[in-house]
Amino acid sequence: MWAGSGAEGGRARLAEFGAAKVYVADDKDLDDYVVAPKAELLAQLVSQASPAAVLVAATAEGREIAARLAVKTGSGILTDVTALGDDLVGEQSIFGGGITVHAKVAAGTPIIAVRPNSVAAEPAEGPAEVVPVAITVSDAAKGARITGRVEQERGERPELTEAAIVVSGGRGVGAGENFALIEKLADSLGAAVGASRAATDAGWYPHQFQAGKTVSPQLYMACGISGAIQHRAGMQTAKTIMVINKDPEAPIFELADFGVVGDLFKVVPQLTEEIEKRAQS
């Protein structure tokens, strides 16, 4: 479903990843108001198209739309799903990441909010046939209007919560200026930079990059991070976890798919150099 303006560019991207149809509602009300009109639009589509399920991204906006849609359609909802198996059984990490559960919607059309980047996008060319959708937004859905927009300044690196690869530094980095090592490694991989709470509390890196927030990249690299429980809860659903730490007893090694016991000031520069060599060859 494409709601609002910019559908043509979006359609091309969706076609790249296998979309058979793209329902397009090019209505300014979907741009000018908050989430309620989009929930009404999806409820209308559920009634018309009778889908097997509705999947949305588990962003702040996506979760609210999913909740409203579930109420409108009398359906069950799963949030922060990190994998989706046969028969629409969703995998979720709960209780601070301490328990993994599998759940299934028991009523209505399953509404499933999938954690961003928890599933790798694989190119599979599709026709992406455009199906225009007309919608009349109710007065009730216009209760909150967007009155202005401020463009967020973004660097060249991907957003932390949406990145396929995240490279994080912790207390072991030692100082703010040493985060240049972490940034260089991240840039060699086209990755986002993260930091542990200890590093952000120390003022070594901005708090908005604290990787204790929930991230589910395909690759998570932890450099000089011991693995406090709040940090582990935020990143342990990553598909592959690599740890670099000089303490072989660091708790984060319990989560690691690959671990290097060594001084990050020696390991990280060598790793970065090797990645850059391969990128140039």
C-alpha atoms as a PDB file:
ATOM      1  CA  MET A   1       0.000   0.000   0.000  1.00  0.00           C
ATOM      2  CA  TRP A   2       1.306   3.454  -0.897  1.00  0.00           C
ATOM      3  CA  ALA A   3      -0.393   6.301   0.958  1.00  0.00           C
ATOM      4  CA  GLY A   4       0.125   9.905  -0.114  1.00  0.00           C
ATOM      5  CA  SER A   5       2.400  11.525  -2.674  1.00  0.00           C
ATOM      6  CA  GLY A   6       5.547  10.116  -4.309  1.00  0.00           C
ATOM      7  CA  ALA A   7       3.942   6.864  -5.432  1.00  0.00           C
ATOM      8  CA  GLU A   8       5.861   6.507  -8.699  1.00  0.00           C
ATOM      9  CA  GLY A   9       9.249   6.400  -7.035  1.00  0.00           C
ATOM     10  CA  GLY A  10       7.903   4.092  -4.374  1.00  0.00           C
ATOM     11  CA  ARG A  11       6.379   1.773  -6.947  1.00  0.00           C
ATOM     12  CA  ALA A  12       9.746   1.277  -8.659  1.00  0.00           C
ATOM     13  CA  ARG A  13      11.349   0.311  -5.368  1.00  0.00           C
ATOM     14  CA  LEU A  14       8.534  -2.075  -4.477  1.00  0.00           C
ATOM     15  CA  ALA A  15       8.750  -3.681  -7.921  1.00  0.00           C
ATOM     16  CA  GLU A  16      12.428  -4.371  -7.301  1.00  0.00           C
ATOM     17  CA  PHE A  17      11.497  -6.519  -4.316  1.00  0.00           C
ATOM     18  CA  GLY A  18       8.653  -8.520  -5.823  1.00  0.00           C
ATOM     19  CA  ALA A  19       5.430  -6.552  -5.339  1.00  0.00           C
ATOM     20  CA  ALA A  20       2.628  -7.945  -7.512  1.00  0.00           C
ATOM     21  CA  LYS A  21       0.241  -5.037  -6.877  1.00  0.00           C
ATOM     22  CA  VAL A  22       0.693  -1.607  -5.349  1.00  0.00           C
ATOM     23  CA  TYR A  23      -2.480  -0.031  -3.988  1.00  0.00           C
ATOM     24  CA  VAL A  24      -2.015   3.731  -4.384  1.00  0.00           C
ATOM     25  CA  ALA A  25      -4.048   6.377  -2.568  1.00  0.00           C
ATOM     26  CA  ASP A  26      -2.612   9.667  -3.785  1.00  0.00           C
ATOM     27  CA  ASP A  27      -4.619  11.900  -1.479  1.00  0.00           C
ATOM     28  CA  LYS A  28      -3.252  15.011   0.248  1.00  0.00           C
ATOM     29  CA  ASP A  29      -5.284  14.193   3.345  1.00  0.00           C
ATOM     30  CA  LEU A  30      -2.935  11.264   3.853  1.00  0.00           C
ATOM     31  CA  ASP A  31       0.013  13.679   3.886  1.00  0.00           C
ATOM     32  CA  ASP A  32      -1.606  16.494   5.857  1.00  0.00           C
ATOM     33  CA  TYR A  33      -2.997  14.514   8.794  1.00  0.00           C
ATOM     34  CA  VAL A  34      -1.389  12.138  11.253  1.00  0.00           C
ATOM     35  CA  VAL A  35      -2.074   8.367  11.421  1.00  0.00           C
ATOM     36  CA  ALA A  36      -5.872   8.105  11.596  1.00  0.00           C
ATOM     37  CA  PRO A  37      -6.544   8.528   7.830  1.00  0.00           C
ATOM     38  CA  LYS A  38      -4.034   5.784   6.998  1.00  0.00           C
ATOM     39  CA  ALA A  39      -5.726   3.430   9.422  1.00  0.00           C
ATOM     40  CA  GLU A  40      -9.073   4.181   7.753  1.00  0.00           C
ATOM     41  CA  LEU A  41      -7.521   3.552   4.344  1.00  0.00           C
ATOM     42  CA  LEU A  42      -6.131   0.171   5.374  1.00  0.00           C
ATOM     43  CA  ALA A  43      -9.429  -0.811   6.982  1.00  0.00           C
ATOM     44  CA  GLN A  44     -11.147  -0.045   3.676  1.00  0.00           C
ATOM     45  CA  LEU A  45      -8.611  -2.175   1.795  1.00  0.00           C
ATOM     46  CA  VAL A  46      -8.958  -5.076   4.218  1.00  0.00           C
ATOM     47  CA  SER A  47     -12.703  -5.049   3.559  1.00  0.00           C
ATOM     48  CA  GLN A  48     -12.256  -4.888  -0.228  1.00  0.00           C
ATOM     49  CA  ALA A  49      -9.249  -7.137  -0.839  1.00  0.00           C
ATOM     50  CA  SER A  50      -9.602  -9.692   1.995  1.00  0.00           C
ATOM     51  CA  PRO A  51      -5.833 -10.133   2.466  1.00  0.00           C
ATOM     52  CA  ALA A  52      -4.280 -13.072   4.307  1.00  0.00           C
ATOM     53  CA  ALA A  53      -2.564 -10.552   6.593  1.00  0.00           C
ATOM     54  CA  VAL A  54      -1.511  -6.916   6.817  1.00  0.00           C
ATOM     55  CA  LEU A  55       2.163  -6.237   7.484  1.00  0.00           C
ATOM     56  CA  VAL A  56       3.436  -2.834   8.568  1.00  0.00           C
ATOM     57  CA  ALA A  57       6.816  -1.618   9.790  1.00  0.00           C
ATOM     58  CA  ALA A  58       7.054  -1.533  13.583  1.00  0.00           C
ATOM     59  CA  THR A  59       8.023   2.128  13.681  1.00  0.00           C
ATOM     60  CA  ALA A  60       6.337   4.596  16.038  1.00  0.00           C
ATOM     61  CA  GLU A  61       3.875   5.494  13.272  1.00  0.00           C
ATOM     62  CA  GLY A  62       3.471   1.931  12.035  1.00  0.00           C
ATOM     63  CA  ARG A  63       2.624   0.512  15.454  1.00  0.00           C
ATOM     64  CA  GLU A  64      -0.065   3.132  16.012  1.00  0.00           C
ATOM     65  CA  ILE A  65      -1.582   2.514  12.586  1.00  0.00           C
ATOM     66  CA  ALA A  66      -1.529  -1.239  13.252  1.00  0.00           C
ATOM     67  CA  ALA A  67      -3.291  -0.821  16.597  1.00  0.00           C
ATOM     68  CA  ARG A  68      -6.004   1.398  15.124  1.00  0.00           C
ATOM     69  CA  LEU A  69      -6.455  -1.003  12.214  1.00  0.00           C
ATOM     70  CA  ALA A  70      -6.818  -3.969  14.546  1.00  0.00           C
ATOM     71  CA  VAL A  71      -9.609  -2.188  16.426  1.00  0.00           C
ATOM     72  CA  LYS A  72     -11.378  -1.144  13.212  1.00  0.00           C
ATOM     73  CA  THR A  73     -11.295  -4.667  11.750  1.00  0.00           C
ATOM     74  CA  GLY A  74     -11.836  -6.635  14.969  1.00  0.00           C
ATOM     75  CA  SER A  75      -8.530  -8.391  14.400  1.00  0.00           C
ATOM     76  CA  GLY A  76      -5.661  -9.644  16.500  1.00  0.00           C
ATOM     77  CA  ILE A  77      -2.271  -7.952  16.329  1.00  0.00           C
ATOM     78  CA  LEU A  78       1.371  -8.940  16.767  1.00  0.00           C
ATOM     79  CA  THR A  79       3.974  -6.208  17.325  1.00  0.00           C
ATOM     80  CA  ASP A  80       7.768  -6.092  17.047  1.00  0.00           C
ATOM     81  CA  VAL A  81       7.862  -9.348  15.107  1.00  0.00           C
ATOM     82  CA  THR A  82      11.419 -10.343  14.183  1.00  0.00           C
ATOM     83  CA  ALA A  83      10.593 -13.336  11.977  1.00  0.00           C
ATOM     84  CA  LEU A  84       7.487 -14.723  10.314  1.00  0.00           C
ATOM     85  CA  GLY A  85       7.130 -18.460   9.754  1.00  0.00           C
ATOM     86  CA  ASP A  86       4.663 -20.796   8.112  1.00  0.00           C
ATOM     87  CA  ASP A  87       0.996 -20.197   8.805  1.00  0.00           C
ATOM     88  CA  LEU A  88       1.811 -16.590   9.856  1.00  0.00           C
ATOM     89  CA  VAL A  89       3.420 -17.564  13.150  1.00  0.00           C
ATOM     90  CA  GLY A  90       5.438 -14.594  14.368  1.00  0.00           C
ATOM     91  CA  GLU A  91       8.594 -14.645  16.469  1.00  0.00           C
ATOM     92  CA  GLN A  92       8.908 -12.010  19.196  1.00  0.00           C
ATOM     93  CA  SER A  93      11.561 -11.151  21.772  1.00  0.00           C
ATOM     94  CA  ILE A  94       9.951 -10.223  25.109  1.00  0.00           C
ATOM     95  CA  PHE A  95      10.835  -9.410  28.742  1.00  0.00           C
ATOM     96  CA  GLY A  96      13.862  -7.351  27.796  1.00  0.00           C
ATOM     97  CA  GLY A  97      15.003  -9.909  25.271  1.00  0.00           C
ATOM     98  CA  GLY A  98      15.170 -12.694  27.862  1.00  0.00           C
ATOM     99  CA  ILE A  99      12.523 -14.873  26.203  1.00  0.00           C
ATOM    100  CA  THR A 100      11.680 -15.633  22.578  1.00  0.00           C
ATOM    101  CA  VAL A 101       8.057 -16.544  21.904  1.00  0.00           C
ATOM    102  CA  HIS A 102       6.081 -17.657  18.866  1.00  0.00           C
ATOM    103  CA  ALA A 103       2.585 -16.280  18.512  1.00  0.00           C
ATOM    104  CA  LYS A 104      -0.286 -16.385  16.050  1.00  0.00           C
ATOM    105  CA  VAL A 105      -3.305 -14.142  15.617  1.00  0.00           C
ATOM    106  CA  ALA A 106      -6.458 -16.040  16.530  1.00  0.00           C
ATOM    107  CA  ALA A 107      -9.147 -13.686  15.209  1.00  0.00           C
ATOM    108  CA  GLY A 108      -9.834 -11.587  12.150  1.00  0.00           C
ATOM    109  CA  THR A 109      -7.211 -10.545   9.602  1.00  0.00           C
ATOM    110  CA  PRO A 110      -3.755 -10.821  11.226  1.00  0.00           C
ATOM    111  CA  ILE A 111      -2.168  -7.395  11.709  1.00  0.00           C
ATOM    112  CA  ILE A 112       1.594  -7.834  12.025  1.00  0.00           C
ATOM    113  CA  ALA A 113       4.092  -5.075  12.812  1.00  0.00           C
ATOM    114  CA  VAL A 114       7.545  -6.254  11.719  1.00  0.00           C
ATOM    115  CA  ARG A 115      10.634  -4.782  13.376  1.00  0.00           C
ATOM    116  CA  PRO A 116      12.569  -2.774  10.760  1.00  0.00           C
ATOM    117  CA  ASN A 117      15.448  -4.627   9.127  1.00  0.00           C
ATOM    118  CA  SER A 118      14.770  -7.875  10.987  1.00  0.00           C
ATOM    119  CA  VAL A 119      14.245  -9.577   7.620  1.00  0.00           C
ATOM    120  CA  ALA A 120      16.767  -9.100   4.828  1.00  0.00           C
ATOM    121  CA  ALA A 121      15.222  -7.682   1.651  1.00  0.00           C
ATOM    122  CA  GLU A 122      16.015  -9.901  -1.328  1.00  0.00           C
ATOM    123  CA  PRO A 123      15.549  -8.551  -4.872  1.00  0.00           C
ATOM    124  CA  ALA A 124      12.867 -10.441  -6.799  1.00  0.00           C
ATOM    125  CA  GLU A 125      11.487  -8.454  -9.732  1.00  0.00           C
ATOM    126  CA  GLY A 126       7.705  -8.072  -9.646  1.00  0.00           C
ATOM    127  CA  PRO A 127       5.134  -6.362 -11.908  1.00  0.00           C
ATOM    128  CA  ALA A 128       3.984  -3.920  -9.184  1.00  0.00           C
ATOM    129  CA  GLU A 129       0.687  -3.254 -10.959  1.00  0.00           C
ATOM    130  CA  VAL A 130      -0.741   0.054  -9.743  1.00  0.00           C
ATOM    131  CA  VAL A 131      -4.265  -0.175  -8.339  1.00  0.00           C
ATOM    132  CA  PRO A 132      -5.703   3.305  -7.637  1.00  0.00           C
ATOM    133  CA  VAL A 133      -7.659   3.594  -4.390  1.00  0.00           C
ATOM    134  CA  ALA A 134     -10.092   6.408  -3.584  1.00  0.00           C
ATOM    135  CA  ILE A 135     -10.790   7.280   0.026  1.00  0.00           C
ATOM    136  CA  THR A 136     -12.962   9.811   1.791  1.00  0.00           C
ATOM    137  CA  VAL A 137     -11.343  10.634   5.111  1.00  0.00           C
ATOM    138  CA  SER A 138     -13.832  11.007   7.961  1.00  0.00           C
ATOM    139  CA  ASP A 139     -14.004  14.160  10.051  1.00  0.00           C
ATOM    140  CA  ALA A 140     -13.027  12.126  13.104  1.00  0.00           C
ATOM    141  CA  ALA A 141      -9.748  11.134  11.426  1.00  0.00           C
ATOM    142  CA  LYS A 142      -8.922  14.821  10.849  1.00  0.00           C
ATOM    143  CA  GLY A 143      -8.726  15.626  14.541  1.00  0.00           C
ATOM    144  CA  ALA A 144      -4.939  16.086  14.436  1.00  0.00           C
ATOM    145  CA  ARG A 145      -3.373  17.946  11.538  1.00  0.00           C
ATOM    146  CA  ILE A 146       0.270  18.419  10.593  1.00  0.00           C
ATOM    147  CA  THR A 147       0.897  22.166  10.717  1.00  0.00           C
ATOM    148  CA  GLY A 148       4.591  22.232   9.836  1.00  0.00           C
ATOM    149  CA  ARG A 149       7.589  20.093   9.052  1.00  0.00           C
ATOM    150  CA  VAL A 150      11.241  20.420  10.012  1.00  0.00           C
ATOM    151  CA  GLU A 151      13.683  18.315   8.064  1.00  0.00           C
ATOM    152  CA  GLN A 152      15.950  16.306  10.332  1.00  0.00           C
ATOM    153  CA  GLU A 153      19.622  16.674   9.629  1.00  0.00           C
ATOM    154  CA  ARG A 154      20.997  13.334   8.540  1.00  0.00           C
ATOM    155  CA  GLY A 155      24.521  12.280   7.862  1.00  0.00           C
ATOM    156  CA  GLU A 156      25.706   9.901   5.187  1.00  0.00           C
ATOM    157  CA  ARG A 157      25.404   6.912   7.505  1.00  0.00           C
ATOM    158  CA  PRO A 158      22.143   4.938   7.700  1.00  0.00           C
ATOM    159  CA  GLU A 159      19.697   5.439  10.549  1.00  0.00           C
ATOM    160  CA  LEU A 160      20.605   3.344  13.599  1.00  0.00           C
ATOM    161  CA  THR A 161      17.236   1.603  14.024  1.00  0.00           C
ATOM    162  CA  GLU A 162      16.940   0.795  10.305  1.00  0.00           C
ATOM    163  CA  ALA A 163      20.533  -0.099   9.375  1.00  0.00           C
ATOM    164  CA  ALA A 164      21.448  -3.519   8.025  1.00  0.00           C
ATOM    165  CA  ILE A 165      24.812  -3.299   9.796  1.00  0.00           C
ATOM    166  CA  VAL A 166      25.549  -1.582  13.105  1.00  0.00           C
ATOM    167  CA  VAL A 167      29.011  -1.042  14.606  1.00  0.00           C
ATOM    168  CA  SER A 168      28.905  -0.041  18.282  1.00  0.00           C
ATOM    169  CA  GLY A 169      31.512   1.112  20.757  1.00  0.00           C
ATOM    170  CA  GLY A 170      31.403   0.886  24.520  1.00  0.00           C
ATOM    171  CA  ARG A 171      33.373   1.693  27.637  1.00  0.00           C
ATOM    172  CA  GLY A 172      36.393  -0.059  26.164  1.00  0.00           C
ATOM    173  CA  VAL A 173      36.737   2.686  23.540  1.00  0.00           C
ATOM    174  CA  GLY A 174      38.125   4.808  26.360  1.00  0.00           C
ATOM    175  CA  ALA A 175      37.363   8.341  25.137  1.00  0.00           C
ATOM    176  CA  GLY A 176      35.217  10.308  22.724  1.00  0.00           C
ATOM    177  CA  GLU A 177      38.019  10.941  20.254  1.00  0.00           C
ATOM    178  CA  ASN A 178      38.619   7.200  19.983  1.00  0.00           C
ATOM    179  CA  PHE A 179      35.167   6.749  18.446  1.00  0.00           C
ATOM    180  CA  ALA A 180      36.871   7.744  15.185  1.00  0.00           C
ATOM    181  CA  LEU A 181      38.009   4.094  15.035  1.00  0.00           C
ATOM    182  CA  ILE A 182      34.410   2.899  15.340  1.00  0.00           C
ATOM    183  CA  GLU A 183      33.224   5.415  12.738  1.00  0.00           C
ATOM    184  CA  LYS A 184      35.911   4.398  10.259  1.00  0.00           C
ATOM    185  CA  LEU A 185      35.022   0.720  10.607  1.00  0.00           C
ATOM    186  CA  ALA A 186      31.329   1.557  10.197  1.00  0.00           C
ATOM    187  CA  ASP A 187      32.001   3.636   7.083  1.00  0.00           C
ATOM    188  CA  SER A 188      33.995   0.806   5.498  1.00  0.00           C
ATOM    189  CA  LEU A 189      30.897  -1.386   5.850  1.00  0.00           C
ATOM    190  CA  GLY A 190      28.270   1.245   5.013  1.00  0.00           C
ATOM    191  CA  ALA A 191      27.007   0.780   8.562  1.00  0.00           C
ATOM    192  CA  ALA A 192      25.375   2.857  11.281  1.00  0.00           C
ATOM    193  CA  VAL A 193      27.328   3.798  14.399  1.00  0.00           C
ATOM    194  CA  GLY A 194      26.018   2.905  17.837  1.00  0.00           C
ATOM    195  CA  ALA A 195      27.266   3.399  21.377  1.00  0.00           C
ATOM    196  CA  SER A 196      26.642   1.723  24.706  1.00  0.00           C
ATOM    197  CA  ARG A 197      24.913   3.567  27.517  1.00  0.00           C
ATOM    198  CA  ALA A 198      28.213   3.821  29.380  1.00  0.00           C
ATOM    199  CA  ALA A 199      29.765   5.589  26.392  1.00  0.00           C
ATOM    200  CA  THR A 200      26.875   8.015  25.917  1.00  0.00           C
ATOM    201  CA  ASP A 201      26.592   8.758  29.647  1.00  0.00           C
ATOM    202  CA  ALA A 202      30.304   9.564  29.657  1.00  0.00           C
ATOM    203  CA  GLY A 203      29.669  12.109  26.892  1.00  0.00           C
ATOM    204  CA  TRP A 204      31.812  10.246  24.374  1.00  0.00           C
ATOM    205  CA  TYR A 205      29.012   9.950  21.814  1.00  0.00           C
ATOM    206  CA  PRO A 206      25.543  11.567  21.422  1.00  0.00           C
ATOM    207  CA  HIS A 207      22.675   9.861  23.248  1.00  0.00           C
ATOM    208  CA  GLN A 208      20.597   9.433  20.078  1.00  0.00           C
ATOM    209  CA  PHE A 209      23.108   6.784  18.998  1.00  0.00           C
ATOM    210  CA  GLN A 210      22.664   4.652  22.094  1.00  0.00           C
ATOM    211  CA  ALA A 211      22.398   1.100  20.821  1.00  0.00           C
ATOM    212  CA  GLY A 212      20.500  -0.046  23.883  1.00  0.00           C
ATOM    213  CA  LYS A 213      17.412   0.970  21.896  1.00  0.00           C
ATOM    214  CA  THR A 214      15.931  -1.929  19.989  1.00  0.00           C
ATOM    215  CA  VAL A 215      17.832  -2.734  16.816  1.00  0.00           C
ATOM    216  CA  SER A 216      17.638  -5.836  14.632  1.00  0.00           C
ATOM    217  CA  PRO A 217      20.343  -5.524  11.977  1.00  0.00           C
ATOM    218  CA  GLN A 218      21.655  -8.362   9.878  1.00  0.00           C
ATOM    219  CA  LEU A 219      25.093  -7.785  11.456  1.00  0.00           C
ATOM    220  CA  TYR A 220      25.849  -6.203  14.832  1.00  0.00           C
ATOM    221  CA  MET A 221      29.464  -5.551  15.806  1.00  0.00           C
ATOM    222  CA  ALA A 222      30.152  -4.761  19.479  1.00  0.00           C
ATOM    223  CA  CYS A 223      33.559  -3.243  20.161  1.00  0.00           C
ATOM    224  CA  GLY A 224      34.644  -2.835  23.770  1.00  0.00           C
ATOM    225  CA  ILE A 225      31.145  -3.509  25.120  1.00  0.00           C
ATOM    226  CA  SER A 226      30.821  -5.774  28.162  1.00  0.00           C
ATOM    227  CA  GLY A 227      27.141  -6.570  27.629  1.00  0.00           C
ATOM    228  CA  ALA A 228      25.001  -4.953  30.330  1.00  0.00           C
ATOM    229  CA  ILE A 229      21.505  -6.413  30.404  1.00  0.00           C
ATOM    230  CA  GLN A 230      19.820  -3.319  28.933  1.00  0.00           C
ATOM    231  CA  HIS A 231      22.258  -3.329  26.017  1.00  0.00           C
ATOM    232  CA  ARG A 232      21.840  -7.036  25.358  1.00  0.00           C
ATOM    233  CA  ALA A 233      18.067  -6.661  25.406  1.00  0.00           C
ATOM    234  CA  GLY A 234      18.245  -4.017  22.689  1.00  0.00           C
ATOM    235  CA  MET A 235      20.501  -5.830  20.222  1.00  0.00           C
ATOM    236  CA  GLN A 236      20.279  -9.557  20.750  1.00  0.00           C
ATOM    237  CA  THR A 237      17.728 -10.103  17.976  1.00  0.00           C
ATOM    238  CA  ALA A 238      20.407  -9.178  15.409  1.00  0.00           C
ATOM    239  CA  LYS A 239      20.857 -11.995  12.918  1.00  0.00           C
ATOM    240  CA  THR A 240      24.645 -12.166  13.359  1.00  0.00           C
ATOM    241  CA  ILE A 241      26.579 -10.768  16.322  1.00  0.00           C
ATOM    242  CA  MET A 242      30.335 -10.178  16.304  1.00  0.00           C
ATOM    243  CA  VAL A 243      32.141  -9.157  19.489  1.00  0.00           C
ATOM    244  CA  ILE A 244      35.586  -7.624  19.964  1.00  0.00           C
ATOM    245  CA  ASN A 245      36.621  -7.456  23.618  1.00  0.00           C
ATOM    246  CA  LYS A 246      39.866  -8.029  25.517  1.00  0.00           C
ATOM    247  CA  ASP A 247      37.989  -9.655  28.425  1.00  0.00           C
ATOM    248  CA  PRO A 248      37.180 -13.280  27.528  1.00  0.00           C
ATOM    249  CA  GLU A 249      34.654 -13.371  30.405  1.00  0.00           C
ATOM    250  CA  ALA A 250      32.587 -10.420  29.130  1.00  0.00           C
ATOM    251  CA  PRO A 251      28.882 -11.412  29.249  1.00  0.00           C
ATOM    252  CA  ILE A 252      28.319 -10.249  25.662  1.00  0.00           C
ATOM    253  CA  PHE A 253      30.322 -13.229  24.390  1.00  0.00           C
ATOM    254  CA  GLU A 254      27.345 -15.395  25.420  1.00  0.00           C
ATOM    255  CA  LEU A 255      25.401 -13.848  22.530  1.00  0.00           C
ATOM    256  CA  ALA A 256      28.224 -13.808  19.987  1.00  0.00           C
ATOM    257  CA  ASP A 257      28.188 -15.775  16.746  1.00  0.00           C
ATOM    258  CA  PHE A 258      31.800 -14.688  16.239  1.00  0.00           C
ATOM    259  CA  GLY A 259      34.085 -13.415  18.965  1.00  0.00           C
ATOM    260  CA  VAL A 260      37.566 -11.907  18.964  1.00  0.00           C
ATOM    261  CA  VAL A 261      39.393 -11.742  22.291  1.00  0.00           C
ATOM    262  CA  GLY A 262      41.771  -8.853  21.770  1.00  0.00           C
ATOM    263  CA  ASP A 263      42.518  -5.167  22.133  1.00  0.00           C
ATOM    264  CA  LEU A 264      40.067  -3.243  19.965  1.00  0.00           C
ATOM    265  CA  PHE A 265      42.757  -0.617  19.275  1.00  0.00           C
ATOM    266  CA  LYS A 266      44.699  -3.329  17.442  1.00  0.00           C
ATOM    267  CA  VAL A 267      41.857  -5.425  16.046  1.00  0.00           C
ATOM    268  CA  VAL A 268      39.559  -2.684  14.704  1.00  0.00           C
ATOM    269  CA  PRO A 269      42.196  -0.900  12.538  1.00  0.00           C
ATOM    270  CA  GLN A 270      43.319  -4.228  11.053  1.00  0.00           C
ATOM    271  CA  LEU A 271      39.723  -5.234  10.355  1.00  0.00           C
ATOM    272  CA  THR A 272      38.966  -1.861   8.746  1.00  0.00           C
ATOM    273  CA  GLU A 273      42.087  -2.068   6.582  1.00  0.00           C
ATOM    274  CA  GLU A 274      41.201  -5.563   5.384  1.00  0.00           C
ATOM    275  CA  ILE A 275      37.610  -4.566   4.556  1.00  0.00           C
ATOM    276  CA  GLU A 276      38.808  -1.525   2.607  1.00  0.00           C
ATOM    277  CA  LYS A 277      41.281  -3.700   0.653  1.00  0.00           C
ATOM    278  CA  ARG A 278      38.533  -6.107  -0.339  1.00  0.00           C
ATOM    279  CA  ALA A 279      36.221  -3.260  -1.316  1.00  0.00           C
ATOM    280  CA  GLN A 280      38.883  -1.892  -3.690  1.00  0.00           C
ATOM    281  CA  SER A 281      39.713  -5.240  -5.293  1.00  0.00           C
END
